[in-house]
Amino acid sequence: MSETAATLTETPPRAETATVEARRPEFPELDPHATAHHGTPLDSIRDVPITITARLGHTTLPIGAILKLGPGSVVELEEEITAPVELTVRGIPFAAGEVIVVNDHFAVRITRLLAPRTGTLET
């Protein structure tokens, strides 16, 4: 065995012990009514873009049928043509409406707003 190999195998690594002090952080008390500026709390985020998704319909197909889909295939949806389109933000429904065309683009005319955070229709 070479001298280098013997040195490497005979010298165990040294474990240094360090003292670690753990303590709870101290934070100042927050005032829930304090604002950084005048106006409503939402004023600072009014210009943040959010993607709205219009859900036209759905269907359930076996994997074998999905694998056979290609250009020209037609996927029939379960919803009636008169059924409202669901509008969502990050998967959360907030409104329902009807599909219309505006300047050669699809659009949705909102017909009902959903109750906040519940996803149920308002009357």
PDB file of N, CA and C in Angstrom:
ATOM      1  N   MET A   1       0.850  -1.171   0.000  1.00  0.00           N
ATOM      2  CA  MET A   1       0.000   0.000   0.000  1.00  0.00           C
ATOM      3  C   MET A   1       0.892   1.230   0.000  1.00  0.00           C
ATOM      4  N   SER A   2       0.517   2.237  -0.747  1.00  0.00           N
ATOM      5  CA  SER A   2       1.340   3.427  -0.827  1.00  0.00           C
ATOM      6  C   SER A   2       1.204   4.248   0.438  1.00  0.00           C
ATOM      7  N   GLU A   3       2.132   5.147   0.644  1.00  0.00           N
ATOM      8  CA  GLU A   3       2.119   5.988   1.846  1.00  0.00           C
ATOM      9  C   GLU A   3       0.923   6.931   1.846  1.00  0.00           C
ATOM     10  N   THR A   4       0.526   7.456   0.675  1.00  0.00           N
ATOM     11  CA  THR A   4      -0.620   8.367   0.573  1.00  0.00           C
ATOM     12  C   THR A   4      -1.908   7.638   0.913  1.00  0.00           C
ATOM     13  N   ALA A   5      -2.092   6.426   0.407  1.00  0.00           N
ATOM     14  CA  ALA A   5      -3.301   5.656   0.686  1.00  0.00           C
ATOM     15  C   ALA A   5      -3.384   5.318   2.160  1.00  0.00           C
ATOM     16  N   ALA A   6      -2.260   4.975   2.754  1.00  0.00           N
ATOM     17  CA  ALA A   6      -2.258   4.660   4.179  1.00  0.00           C
ATOM     18  C   ALA A   6      -2.630   5.872   4.995  1.00  0.00           C
ATOM     19  N   THR A   7      -2.159   7.039   4.608  1.00  0.00           N
ATOM     20  CA  THR A   7      -2.467   8.261   5.327  1.00  0.00           C
ATOM     21  C   THR A   7      -3.949   8.587   5.238  1.00  0.00           C
ATOM     22  N   LEU A   8      -4.520   8.405   4.057  1.00  0.00           N
ATOM     23  CA  LEU A   8      -5.935   8.719   3.872  1.00  0.00           C
ATOM     24  C   LEU A   8      -6.843   7.783   4.662  1.00  0.00           C
ATOM     25  N   THR A   9      -6.481   6.517   4.739  1.00  0.00           N
ATOM     26  CA  THR A   9      -7.354   5.576   5.426  1.00  0.00           C
ATOM     27  C   THR A   9      -7.150   5.602   6.928  1.00  0.00           C
ATOM     28  N   GLU A  10      -5.981   5.998   7.387  1.00  0.00           N
ATOM     29  CA  GLU A  10      -5.713   5.983   8.820  1.00  0.00           C
ATOM     30  C   GLU A  10      -6.113   7.267   9.517  1.00  0.00           C
ATOM     31  N   THR A  11      -6.327   8.364   8.795  1.00  0.00           N
ATOM     32  CA  THR A  11      -6.642   9.638   9.426  1.00  0.00           C
ATOM     33  C   THR A  11      -8.144   9.877   9.380  1.00  0.00           C
ATOM     34  N   PRO A  12      -8.841   9.714  10.498  1.00  0.00           N
ATOM     35  CA  PRO A  12     -10.282   9.968  10.491  1.00  0.00           C
ATOM     36  C   PRO A  12     -10.554  11.469  10.426  1.00  0.00           C
ATOM     37  N   PRO A  13     -11.646  11.873   9.808  1.00  0.00           N
ATOM     38  CA  PRO A  13     -11.961  13.301   9.754  1.00  0.00           C
ATOM     39  C   PRO A  13     -12.272  13.833  11.142  1.00  0.00           C
ATOM     40  N   ARG A  14     -11.856  15.060  11.384  1.00  0.00           N
ATOM     41  CA  ARG A  14     -12.085  15.674  12.689  1.00  0.00           C
ATOM     42  C   ARG A  14     -13.442  16.360  12.689  1.00  0.00           C
ATOM     43  N   ALA A  15     -14.215  16.098  13.688  1.00  0.00           N
ATOM     44  CA  ALA A  15     -15.523  16.743  13.828  1.00  0.00           C
ATOM     45  C   ALA A  15     -15.366  17.887  14.811  1.00  0.00           C
ATOM     46  N   GLU A  16     -15.600  19.087  14.325  1.00  0.00           N
ATOM     47  CA  GLU A  16     -15.528  20.241  15.208  1.00  0.00           C
ATOM     48  C   GLU A  16     -16.927  20.503  15.747  1.00  0.00           C
ATOM     49  N   THR A  17     -17.000  20.763  16.997  1.00  0.00           N
ATOM     50  CA  THR A  17     -18.294  21.055  17.601  1.00  0.00           C
ATOM     51  C   THR A  17     -18.413  22.549  17.787  1.00  0.00           C
ATOM     52  N   ALA A  18     -19.563  23.072  17.384  1.00  0.00           N
ATOM     53  CA  ALA A  18     -19.826  24.503  17.530  1.00  0.00           C
ATOM     54  C   ALA A  18     -21.086  24.666  18.355  1.00  0.00           C
ATOM     55  N   THR A  19     -21.129  25.676  19.135  1.00  0.00           N
ATOM     56  CA  THR A  19     -22.311  25.952  19.934  1.00  0.00           C
ATOM     57  C   THR A  19     -23.279  26.768  19.099  1.00  0.00           C
ATOM     58  N   VAL A  20     -24.523  26.299  19.032  1.00  0.00           N
ATOM     59  CA  VAL A  20     -25.570  26.990  18.292  1.00  0.00           C
ATOM     60  C   VAL A  20     -26.587  27.493  19.295  1.00  0.00           C
ATOM     61  N   GLU A  21     -26.887  28.778  19.196  1.00  0.00           N
ATOM     62  CA  GLU A  21     -27.874  29.363  20.100  1.00  0.00           C
ATOM     63  C   GLU A  21     -29.160  29.600  19.319  1.00  0.00           C
ATOM     64  N   ALA A  22     -30.252  29.030  19.774  1.00  0.00           N
ATOM     65  CA  ALA A  22     -31.554  29.203  19.126  1.00  0.00           C
ATOM     66  C   ALA A  22     -32.445  30.020  20.045  1.00  0.00           C
ATOM     67  N   ARG A  23     -33.152  30.989  19.442  1.00  0.00           N
ATOM     68  CA  ARG A  23     -34.089  31.795  20.225  1.00  0.00           C
ATOM     69  C   ARG A  23     -35.236  32.221  19.332  1.00  0.00           C
ATOM     70  N   ARG A  24     -36.324  32.617  19.938  1.00  0.00           N
ATOM     71  CA  ARG A  24     -37.498  33.062  19.186  1.00  0.00           C
ATOM     72  C   ARG A  24     -37.257  34.480  18.661  1.00  0.00           C
ATOM     73  N   PRO A  25     -37.705  34.758  17.417  1.00  0.00           N
ATOM     74  CA  PRO A  25     -37.545  36.121  16.893  1.00  0.00           C
ATOM     75  C   PRO A  25     -38.519  37.079  17.582  1.00  0.00           C
ATOM     76  N   GLU A  26     -38.137  38.327  17.636  1.00  0.00           N
ATOM     77  CA  GLU A  26     -38.996  39.358  18.218  1.00  0.00           C
ATOM     78  C   GLU A  26     -39.402  40.311  17.104  1.00  0.00           C
ATOM     79  N   PHE A  27     -40.713  40.461  16.892  1.00  0.00           N
ATOM     80  CA  PHE A  27     -41.250  41.326  15.855  1.00  0.00           C
ATOM     81  C   PHE A  27     -42.113  42.401  16.499  1.00  0.00           C
ATOM     82  N   PRO A  28     -42.136  43.605  15.918  1.00  0.00           N
ATOM     83  CA  PRO A  28     -43.026  44.636  16.455  1.00  0.00           C
ATOM     84  C   PRO A  28     -44.481  44.264  16.186  1.00  0.00           C
ATOM     85  N   GLU A  29     -45.380  44.739  17.015  1.00  0.00           N
ATOM     86  CA  GLU A  29     -46.816  44.496  16.856  1.00  0.00           C
ATOM     87  C   GLU A  29     -47.299  45.180  15.575  1.00  0.00           C
ATOM     88  N   LEU A  30     -48.082  44.465  14.761  1.00  0.00           N
ATOM     89  CA  LEU A  30     -48.599  45.025  13.518  1.00  0.00           C
ATOM     90  C   LEU A  30     -49.975  45.632  13.744  1.00  0.00           C
ATOM     91  N   ASP A  31     -50.226  46.762  13.068  1.00  0.00           N
ATOM     92  CA  ASP A  31     -51.527  47.404  13.132  1.00  0.00           C
ATOM     93  C   ASP A  31     -52.291  47.009  11.870  1.00  0.00           C
ATOM     94  N   PRO A  32     -53.372  46.194  11.988  1.00  0.00           N
ATOM     95  CA  PRO A  32     -54.087  45.752  10.791  1.00  0.00           C
ATOM     96  C   PRO A  32     -54.791  46.879  10.053  1.00  0.00           C
ATOM     97  N   HIS A  33     -54.953  48.031  10.678  1.00  0.00           N
ATOM     98  CA  HIS A  33     -55.654  49.150  10.057  1.00  0.00           C
ATOM     99  C   HIS A  33     -54.695  50.164   9.438  1.00  0.00           C
ATOM    100  N   ALA A  34     -53.391  49.975   9.621  1.00  0.00           N
ATOM    101  CA  ALA A  34     -52.410  50.908   9.069  1.00  0.00           C
ATOM    102  C   ALA A  34     -52.255  50.682   7.570  1.00  0.00           C
ATOM    103  N   THR A  35     -52.124  51.761   6.814  1.00  0.00           N
ATOM    104  CA  THR A  35     -51.872  51.677   5.375  1.00  0.00           C
ATOM    105  C   THR A  35     -50.684  52.557   5.038  1.00  0.00           C
ATOM    106  N   ALA A  36     -49.993  52.199   3.987  1.00  0.00           N
ATOM    107  CA  ALA A  36     -48.811  52.951   3.576  1.00  0.00           C
ATOM    108  C   ALA A  36     -49.190  54.237   2.854  1.00  0.00           C
ATOM    109  N   HIS A  37     -50.438  54.330   2.380  1.00  0.00           N
ATOM    110  CA  HIS A  37     -50.871  55.504   1.636  1.00  0.00           C
ATOM    111  C   HIS A  37     -52.357  55.709   1.873  1.00  0.00           C
ATOM    112  N   HIS A  38     -52.849  56.816   1.399  1.00  0.00           N
ATOM    113  CA  HIS A  38     -54.280  57.077   1.529  1.00  0.00           C
ATOM    114  C   HIS A  38     -55.009  56.355   0.408  1.00  0.00           C
ATOM    115  N   GLY A  39     -56.254  56.026   0.617  1.00  0.00           N
ATOM    116  CA  GLY A  39     -57.038  55.312  -0.391  1.00  0.00           C
ATOM    117  C   GLY A  39     -57.412  53.936   0.123  1.00  0.00           C
ATOM    118  N   THR A  40     -57.974  53.138  -0.765  1.00  0.00           N
ATOM    119  CA  THR A  40     -58.391  51.799  -0.356  1.00  0.00           C
ATOM    120  C   THR A  40     -57.213  50.843  -0.380  1.00  0.00           C
ATOM    121  N   PRO A  41     -57.276  49.738   0.372  1.00  0.00           N
ATOM    122  CA  PRO A  41     -56.170  48.780   0.384  1.00  0.00           C
ATOM    123  C   PRO A  41     -55.894  48.158  -0.987  1.00  0.00           C
ATOM    124  N   LEU A  42     -56.884  48.120  -1.878  1.00  0.00           N
ATOM    125  CA  LEU A  42     -56.690  47.522  -3.195  1.00  0.00           C
ATOM    126  C   LEU A  42     -56.055  48.466  -4.209  1.00  0.00           C
ATOM    127  N   ASP A  43     -55.958  49.751  -3.885  1.00  0.00           N
ATOM    128  CA  ASP A  43     -55.408  50.709  -4.843  1.00  0.00           C
ATOM    129  C   ASP A  43     -54.012  50.326  -5.327  1.00  0.00           C
ATOM    130  N   SER A  44     -53.196  49.752  -4.468  1.00  0.00           N
ATOM    131  CA  SER A  44     -51.817  49.439  -4.854  1.00  0.00           C
ATOM    132  C   SER A  44     -51.711  48.250  -5.801  1.00  0.00           C
ATOM    133  N   ILE A  45     -52.767  47.458  -5.952  1.00  0.00           N
ATOM    134  CA  ILE A  45     -52.685  46.290  -6.839  1.00  0.00           C
ATOM    135  C   ILE A  45     -53.663  46.361  -8.012  1.00  0.00           C
ATOM    136  N   ARG A  46     -54.327  47.467  -8.206  1.00  0.00           N
ATOM    137  CA  ARG A  46     -55.330  47.580  -9.272  1.00  0.00           C
ATOM    138  C   ARG A  46     -54.761  47.366 -10.670  1.00  0.00           C
ATOM    139  N   ASP A  47     -53.491  47.630 -10.906  1.00  0.00           N
ATOM    140  CA  ASP A  47     -52.892  47.491 -12.233  1.00  0.00           C
ATOM    141  C   ASP A  47     -52.180  46.148 -12.437  1.00  0.00           C
ATOM    142  N   VAL A  48     -52.280  45.230 -11.487  1.00  0.00           N
ATOM    143  CA  VAL A  48     -51.644  43.923 -11.628  1.00  0.00           C
ATOM    144  C   VAL A  48     -52.484  43.080 -12.593  1.00  0.00           C
ATOM    145  N   PRO A  49     -51.880  42.588 -13.682  1.00  0.00           N
ATOM    146  CA  PRO A  49     -52.649  41.790 -14.654  1.00  0.00           C
ATOM    147  C   PRO A  49     -52.975  40.405 -14.100  1.00  0.00           C
ATOM    148  N   ILE A  50     -54.199  39.965 -14.328  1.00  0.00           N
ATOM    149  CA  ILE A  50     -54.661  38.641 -13.907  1.00  0.00           C
ATOM    150  C   ILE A  50     -55.315  37.984 -15.112  1.00  0.00           C
ATOM    151  N   THR A  51     -54.986  36.722 -15.368  1.00  0.00           N
ATOM    152  CA  THR A  51     -55.561  35.992 -16.490  1.00  0.00           C
ATOM    153  C   THR A  51     -56.946  35.476 -16.132  1.00  0.00           C
ATOM    154  N   ILE A  52     -57.910  35.757 -16.995  1.00  0.00           N
ATOM    155  CA  ILE A  52     -59.271  35.244 -16.857  1.00  0.00           C
ATOM    156  C   ILE A  52     -59.431  34.129 -17.887  1.00  0.00           C
ATOM    157  N   THR A  53     -59.979  32.990 -17.463  1.00  0.00           N
ATOM    158  CA  THR A  53     -60.194  31.860 -18.345  1.00  0.00           C
ATOM    159  C   THR A  53     -61.691  31.649 -18.529  1.00  0.00           C
ATOM    160  N   ALA A  54     -62.104  31.431 -19.768  1.00  0.00           N
ATOM    161  CA  ALA A  54     -63.497  31.114 -20.074  1.00  0.00           C
ATOM    162  C   ALA A  54     -63.586  29.616 -20.344  1.00  0.00           C
ATOM    163  N   ARG A  55     -64.380  28.930 -19.548  1.00  0.00           N
ATOM    164  CA  ARG A  55     -64.536  27.476 -19.698  1.00  0.00           C
ATOM    165  C   ARG A  55     -65.798  27.203 -20.504  1.00  0.00           C
ATOM    166  N   LEU A  56     -65.601  26.757 -21.722  1.00  0.00           N
ATOM    167  CA  LEU A  56     -66.700  26.517 -22.649  1.00  0.00           C
ATOM    168  C   LEU A  56     -67.455  25.244 -22.313  1.00  0.00           C
ATOM    169  N   GLY A  57     -66.760  24.200 -21.928  1.00  0.00           N
ATOM    170  CA  GLY A  57     -67.406  22.932 -21.616  1.00  0.00           C
ATOM    171  C   GLY A  57     -66.389  21.869 -21.314  1.00  0.00           C
ATOM    172  N   HIS A  58     -66.881  20.634 -21.147  1.00  0.00           N
ATOM    173  CA  HIS A  58     -65.987  19.519 -20.845  1.00  0.00           C
ATOM    174  C   HIS A  58     -66.588  18.214 -21.353  1.00  0.00           C
ATOM    175  N   THR A  59     -65.766  17.218 -21.386  1.00  0.00           N
ATOM    176  CA  THR A  59     -66.207  15.856 -21.703  1.00  0.00           C
ATOM    177  C   THR A  59     -65.223  14.890 -21.078  1.00  0.00           C
ATOM    178  N   THR A  60     -65.608  13.644 -20.985  1.00  0.00           N
ATOM    179  CA  THR A  60     -64.733  12.605 -20.455  1.00  0.00           C
ATOM    180  C   THR A  60     -64.541  11.555 -21.547  1.00  0.00           C
ATOM    181  N   LEU A  61     -63.275  11.258 -21.839  1.00  0.00           N
ATOM    182  CA  LEU A  61     -62.951  10.269 -22.867  1.00  0.00           C
ATOM    183  C   LEU A  61     -61.956   9.266 -22.299  1.00  0.00           C
ATOM    184  N   PRO A  62     -62.011   8.018 -22.754  1.00  0.00           N
ATOM    185  CA  PRO A  62     -60.974   7.068 -22.352  1.00  0.00           C
ATOM    186  C   PRO A  62     -59.644   7.434 -23.011  1.00  0.00           C
ATOM    187  N   ILE A  63     -58.558   7.045 -22.399  1.00  0.00           N
ATOM    188  CA  ILE A  63     -57.228   7.368 -22.917  1.00  0.00           C
ATOM    189  C   ILE A  63     -57.071   6.889 -24.355  1.00  0.00           C
ATOM    190  N   GLY A  64     -57.611   5.723 -24.668  1.00  0.00           N
ATOM    191  CA  GLY A  64     -57.502   5.199 -26.032  1.00  0.00           C
ATOM    192  C   GLY A  64     -58.111   6.141 -27.056  1.00  0.00           C
ATOM    193  N   ALA A  65     -59.255   6.753 -26.721  1.00  0.00           N
ATOM    194  CA  ALA A  65     -59.899   7.700 -27.640  1.00  0.00           C
ATOM    195  C   ALA A  65     -59.078   8.985 -27.761  1.00  0.00           C
ATOM    196  N   ILE A  66     -58.482   9.420 -26.678  1.00  0.00           N
ATOM    197  CA  ILE A  66     -57.653  10.637 -26.706  1.00  0.00           C
ATOM    198  C   ILE A  66     -56.426  10.412 -27.586  1.00  0.00           C
ATOM    199  N   LEU A  67     -55.838   9.217 -27.509  1.00  0.00           N
ATOM    200  CA  LEU A  67     -54.649   8.917 -28.317  1.00  0.00           C
ATOM    201  C   LEU A  67     -54.956   8.881 -29.808  1.00  0.00           C
ATOM    202  N   LYS A  68     -56.217   8.688 -30.170  1.00  0.00           N
ATOM    203  CA  LYS A  68     -56.610   8.649 -31.576  1.00  0.00           C
ATOM    204  C   LYS A  68     -56.940  10.036 -32.135  1.00  0.00           C
ATOM    205  N   LEU A  69     -56.980  11.068 -31.270  1.00  0.00           N
ATOM    206  CA  LEU A  69     -57.321  12.420 -31.732  1.00  0.00           C
ATOM    207  C   LEU A  69     -56.212  12.978 -32.611  1.00  0.00           C
ATOM    208  N   GLY A  70     -56.612  13.752 -33.580  1.00  0.00           N
ATOM    209  CA  GLY A  70     -55.650  14.391 -34.464  1.00  0.00           C
ATOM    210  C   GLY A  70     -56.311  15.555 -35.167  1.00  0.00           C
ATOM    211  N   PRO A  71     -55.598  16.209 -36.083  1.00  0.00           N
ATOM    212  CA  PRO A  71     -56.190  17.324 -36.822  1.00  0.00           C
ATOM    213  C   PRO A  71     -57.478  16.881 -37.520  1.00  0.00           C
ATOM    214  N   GLY A  72     -58.523  17.660 -37.352  1.00  0.00           N
ATOM    215  CA  GLY A  72     -59.811  17.348 -37.955  1.00  0.00           C
ATOM    216  C   GLY A  72     -60.735  16.565 -37.037  1.00  0.00           C
ATOM    217  N   SER A  73     -60.209  16.036 -35.926  1.00  0.00           N
ATOM    218  CA  SER A  73     -61.059  15.321 -34.970  1.00  0.00           C
ATOM    219  C   SER A  73     -62.041  16.295 -34.339  1.00  0.00           C
ATOM    220  N   VAL A  74     -63.202  15.805 -33.976  1.00  0.00           N
ATOM    221  CA  VAL A  74     -64.211  16.613 -33.304  1.00  0.00           C
ATOM    222  C   VAL A  74     -64.433  16.035 -31.913  1.00  0.00           C
ATOM    223  N   VAL A  75     -64.303  16.873 -30.897  1.00  0.00           N
ATOM    224  CA  VAL A  75     -64.553  16.472 -29.515  1.00  0.00           C
ATOM    225  C   VAL A  75     -65.871  17.105 -29.094  1.00  0.00           C
ATOM    226  N   GLU A  76     -66.864  16.261 -28.844  1.00  0.00           N
ATOM    227  CA  GLU A  76     -68.184  16.739 -28.456  1.00  0.00           C
ATOM    228  C   GLU A  76     -68.198  17.017 -26.959  1.00  0.00           C
ATOM    229  N   LEU A  77     -68.690  18.194 -26.579  1.00  0.00           N
ATOM    230  CA  LEU A  77     -68.760  18.579 -25.170  1.00  0.00           C
ATOM    231  C   LEU A  77     -70.133  18.229 -24.601  1.00  0.00           C
ATOM    232  N   GLU A  78     -70.201  18.052 -23.293  1.00  0.00           N
ATOM    233  CA  GLU A  78     -71.445  17.669 -22.643  1.00  0.00           C
ATOM    234  C   GLU A  78     -72.428  18.832 -22.496  1.00  0.00           C
ATOM    235  N   GLU A  79     -71.946  20.069 -22.528  1.00  0.00           N
ATOM    236  CA  GLU A  79     -72.813  21.225 -22.312  1.00  0.00           C
ATOM    237  C   GLU A  79     -73.653  21.520 -23.556  1.00  0.00           C
ATOM    238  N   GLU A  80     -74.859  22.004 -23.316  1.00  0.00           N
ATOM    239  CA  GLU A  80     -75.734  22.459 -24.402  1.00  0.00           C
ATOM    240  C   GLU A  80     -75.157  23.743 -24.981  1.00  0.00           C
ATOM    241  N   ILE A  81     -75.507  24.063 -26.214  1.00  0.00           N
ATOM    242  CA  ILE A  81     -75.004  25.275 -26.853  1.00  0.00           C
ATOM    243  C   ILE A  81     -75.483  26.535 -26.135  1.00  0.00           C
ATOM    244  N   THR A  82     -76.595  26.445 -25.434  1.00  0.00           N
ATOM    245  CA  THR A  82     -77.134  27.609 -24.714  1.00  0.00           C
ATOM    246  C   THR A  82     -76.627  27.692 -23.273  1.00  0.00           C
ATOM    247  N   ALA A  83     -75.831  26.732 -22.844  1.00  0.00           N
ATOM    248  CA  ALA A  83     -75.323  26.737 -21.464  1.00  0.00           C
ATOM    249  C   ALA A  83     -74.380  27.920 -21.264  1.00  0.00           C
ATOM    250  N   PRO A  84     -74.401  28.530 -20.073  1.00  0.00           N
ATOM    251  CA  PRO A  84     -73.494  29.650 -19.824  1.00  0.00           C
ATOM    252  C   PRO A  84     -72.034  29.202 -19.783  1.00  0.00           C
ATOM    253  N   VAL A  85     -71.160  30.104 -20.179  1.00  0.00           N
ATOM    254  CA  VAL A  85     -69.715  29.893 -20.116  1.00  0.00           C
ATOM    255  C   VAL A  85     -69.268  30.339 -18.731  1.00  0.00           C
ATOM    256  N   GLU A  86     -68.387  29.554 -18.120  1.00  0.00           N
ATOM    257  CA  GLU A  86     -67.890  29.879 -16.784  1.00  0.00           C
ATOM    258  C   GLU A  86     -66.599  30.691 -16.893  1.00  0.00           C
ATOM    259  N   LEU A  87     -66.518  31.819 -16.189  1.00  0.00           N
ATOM    260  CA  LEU A  87     -65.292  32.621 -16.138  1.00  0.00           C
ATOM    261  C   LEU A  87     -64.591  32.340 -14.820  1.00  0.00           C
ATOM    262  N   THR A  88     -63.282  32.083 -14.894  1.00  0.00           N
ATOM    263  CA  THR A  88     -62.517  31.779 -13.688  1.00  0.00           C
ATOM    264  C   THR A  88     -61.246  32.619 -13.624  1.00  0.00           C
ATOM    265  N   VAL A  89     -60.747  32.787 -12.416  1.00  0.00           N
ATOM    266  CA  VAL A  89     -59.430  33.365 -12.160  1.00  0.00           C
ATOM    267  C   VAL A  89     -58.687  32.348 -11.316  1.00  0.00           C
ATOM    268  N   ARG A  90     -57.586  31.826 -11.849  1.00  0.00           N
ATOM    269  CA  ARG A  90     -56.783  30.794 -11.175  1.00  0.00           C
ATOM    270  C   ARG A  90     -57.625  29.601 -10.754  1.00  0.00           C
ATOM    271  N   GLY A  91     -58.591  29.230 -11.620  1.00  0.00           N
ATOM    272  CA  GLY A  91     -59.419  28.066 -11.374  1.00  0.00           C
ATOM    273  C   GLY A  91     -60.630  28.318 -10.493  1.00  0.00           C
ATOM    274  N   ILE A  92     -60.780  29.529  -9.976  1.00  0.00           N
ATOM    275  CA  ILE A  92     -61.913  29.861  -9.105  1.00  0.00           C
ATOM    276  C   ILE A  92     -62.981  30.568  -9.933  1.00  0.00           C
ATOM    277  N   PRO A  93     -64.186  30.001 -10.029  1.00  0.00           N
ATOM    278  CA  PRO A  93     -65.258  30.641 -10.798  1.00  0.00           C
ATOM    279  C   PRO A  93     -65.697  31.960 -10.152  1.00  0.00           C
ATOM    280  N   PHE A  94     -65.920  32.993 -10.991  1.00  0.00           N
ATOM    281  CA  PHE A  94     -66.405  34.266 -10.460  1.00  0.00           C
ATOM    282  C   PHE A  94     -67.593  34.814 -11.251  1.00  0.00           C
ATOM    283  N   ALA A  95     -67.839  34.290 -12.451  1.00  0.00           N
ATOM    284  CA  ALA A  95     -68.954  34.791 -13.255  1.00  0.00           C
ATOM    285  C   ALA A  95     -69.363  33.748 -14.291  1.00  0.00           C
ATOM    286  N   ALA A  96     -70.566  33.966 -14.859  1.00  0.00           N
ATOM    287  CA  ALA A  96     -71.059  33.140 -15.962  1.00  0.00           C
ATOM    288  C   ALA A  96     -71.547  34.085 -17.044  1.00  0.00           C
ATOM    289  N   GLY A  97     -71.486  33.641 -18.288  1.00  0.00           N
ATOM    290  CA  GLY A  97     -71.913  34.512 -19.378  1.00  0.00           C
ATOM    291  C   GLY A  97     -72.168  33.756 -20.652  1.00  0.00           C
ATOM    292  N   GLU A  98     -72.349  34.530 -21.717  1.00  0.00           N
ATOM    293  CA  GLU A  98     -72.624  33.942 -23.023  1.00  0.00           C
ATOM    294  C   GLU A  98     -71.539  34.354 -24.005  1.00  0.00           C
ATOM    295  N   VAL A  99     -71.200  33.445 -24.913  1.00  0.00           N
ATOM    296  CA  VAL A  99     -70.168  33.717 -25.912  1.00  0.00           C
ATOM    297  C   VAL A  99     -70.753  34.640 -26.973  1.00  0.00           C
ATOM    298  N   ILE A 100     -69.997  35.700 -27.289  1.00  0.00           N
ATOM    299  CA  ILE A 100     -70.359  36.627 -28.361  1.00  0.00           C
ATOM    300  C   ILE A 100     -69.109  36.881 -29.196  1.00  0.00           C
ATOM    301  N   VAL A 101     -69.260  37.605 -30.302  1.00  0.00           N
ATOM    302  CA  VAL A 101     -68.124  37.980 -31.146  1.00  0.00           C
ATOM    303  C   VAL A 101     -68.024  39.498 -31.159  1.00  0.00           C
ATOM    304  N   VAL A 102     -66.811  40.002 -30.890  1.00  0.00           N
ATOM    305  CA  VAL A 102     -66.543  41.437 -30.905  1.00  0.00           C
ATOM    306  C   VAL A 102     -65.316  41.660 -31.783  1.00  0.00           C
ATOM    307  N   ASN A 103     -65.489  42.403 -32.896  1.00  0.00           N
ATOM    308  CA  ASN A 103     -64.375  42.689 -33.808  1.00  0.00           C
ATOM    309  C   ASN A 103     -63.612  41.426 -34.197  1.00  0.00           C
ATOM    310  N   ASP A 104     -64.310  40.404 -34.611  1.00  0.00           N
ATOM    311  CA  ASP A 104     -63.722  39.136 -35.048  1.00  0.00           C
ATOM    312  C   ASP A 104     -62.973  38.389 -33.947  1.00  0.00           C
ATOM    313  N   HIS A 105     -63.269  38.652 -32.675  1.00  0.00           N
ATOM    314  CA  HIS A 105     -62.672  37.938 -31.550  1.00  0.00           C
ATOM    315  C   HIS A 105     -63.794  37.388 -30.677  1.00  0.00           C
ATOM    316  N   PHE A 106     -63.570  36.219 -30.095  1.00  0.00           N
ATOM    317  CA  PHE A 106     -64.518  35.705 -29.114  1.00  0.00           C
ATOM    318  C   PHE A 106     -64.516  36.609 -27.902  1.00  0.00           C
ATOM    319  N   ALA A 107     -65.675  36.747 -27.282  1.00  0.00           N
ATOM    320  CA  ALA A 107     -65.812  37.522 -26.051  1.00  0.00           C
ATOM    321  C   ALA A 107     -66.896  36.852 -25.215  1.00  0.00           C
ATOM    322  N   VAL A 108     -67.009  37.230 -23.967  1.00  0.00           N
ATOM    323  CA  VAL A 108     -68.044  36.700 -23.089  1.00  0.00           C
ATOM    324  C   VAL A 108     -68.801  37.871 -22.481  1.00  0.00           C
ATOM    325  N   ARG A 109     -70.114  37.885 -22.696  1.00  0.00           N
ATOM    326  CA  ARG A 109     -70.974  38.875 -22.045  1.00  0.00           C
ATOM    327  C   ARG A 109     -71.389  38.281 -20.704  1.00  0.00           C
ATOM    328  N   ILE A 110     -71.015  38.936 -19.606  1.00  0.00           N
ATOM    329  CA  ILE A 110     -71.332  38.430 -18.266  1.00  0.00           C
ATOM    330  C   ILE A 110     -72.826  38.585 -18.019  1.00  0.00           C
ATOM    331  N   THR A 111     -73.447  37.473 -17.630  1.00  0.00           N
ATOM    332  CA  THR A 111     -74.885  37.485 -17.328  1.00  0.00           C
ATOM    333  C   THR A 111     -75.160  37.317 -15.840  1.00  0.00           C
ATOM    334  N   ARG A 112     -74.216  36.695 -15.127  1.00  0.00           N
ATOM    335  CA  ARG A 112     -74.372  36.498 -13.683  1.00  0.00           C
ATOM    336  C   ARG A 112     -73.021  36.557 -12.994  1.00  0.00           C
ATOM    337  N   LEU A 113     -72.971  37.178 -11.831  1.00  0.00           N
ATOM    338  CA  LEU A 113     -71.775  37.148 -10.994  1.00  0.00           C
ATOM    339  C   LEU A 113     -71.983  36.082  -9.932  1.00  0.00           C
ATOM    340  N   LEU A 114     -70.915  35.398  -9.577  1.00  0.00           N
ATOM    341  CA  LEU A 114     -70.985  34.385  -8.540  1.00  0.00           C
ATOM    342  C   LEU A 114     -70.655  35.020  -7.197  1.00  0.00           C
ATOM    343  N   ALA A 115     -71.218  34.475  -6.151  1.00  0.00           N
ATOM    344  CA  ALA A 115     -70.938  34.989  -4.805  1.00  0.00           C
ATOM    345  C   ALA A 115     -69.447  34.843  -4.524  1.00  0.00           C
ATOM    346  N   PRO A 116     -68.843  35.820  -3.863  1.00  0.00           N
ATOM    347  CA  PRO A 116     -67.396  35.772  -3.608  1.00  0.00           C
ATOM    348  C   PRO A 116     -66.987  34.504  -2.835  1.00  0.00           C
ATOM    349  N   ARG A 117     -65.934  33.848  -3.338  1.00  0.00           N
ATOM    350  CA  ARG A 117     -65.267  32.695  -2.717  1.00  0.00           C
ATOM    351  C   ARG A 117     -66.107  31.440  -2.571  1.00  0.00           C
ATOM    352  N   THR A 118     -67.372  31.466  -2.934  1.00  0.00           N
ATOM    353  CA  THR A 118     -68.179  30.253  -2.777  1.00  0.00           C
ATOM    354  C   THR A 118     -68.400  29.554  -4.095  1.00  0.00           C
ATOM    355  N   GLY A 119     -68.354  30.306  -5.204  1.00  0.00           N
ATOM    356  CA  GLY A 119     -68.603  29.713  -6.506  1.00  0.00           C
ATOM    357  C   GLY A 119     -70.055  29.412  -6.756  1.00  0.00           C
ATOM    358  N   THR A 120     -70.952  30.002  -5.955  1.00  0.00           N
ATOM    359  CA  THR A 120     -72.386  29.791  -6.164  1.00  0.00           C
ATOM    360  C   THR A 120     -72.994  31.010  -6.824  1.00  0.00           C
ATOM    361  N   LEU A 121     -74.039  30.818  -7.561  1.00  0.00           N
ATOM    362  CA  LEU A 121     -74.678  31.922  -8.286  1.00  0.00           C
ATOM    363  C   LEU A 121     -75.381  32.883  -7.348  1.00  0.00           C
ATOM    364  N   GLU A 122     -75.201  34.202  -7.623  1.00  0.00           N
ATOM    365  CA  GLU A 122     -75.958  35.219  -6.898  1.00  0.00           C
ATOM    366  C   GLU A 122     -77.326  35.339  -7.518  1.00  0.00           C
ATOM    367  N   THR A 123     -78.317  35.687  -6.748  1.00  0.00           N
ATOM    368  CA  THR A 123     -79.671  35.870  -7.300  1.00  0.00           C
ATOM    369  C   THR A 123     -79.989  37.318  -7.487  1.00  0.00           C
TER     370      THR A 123
END
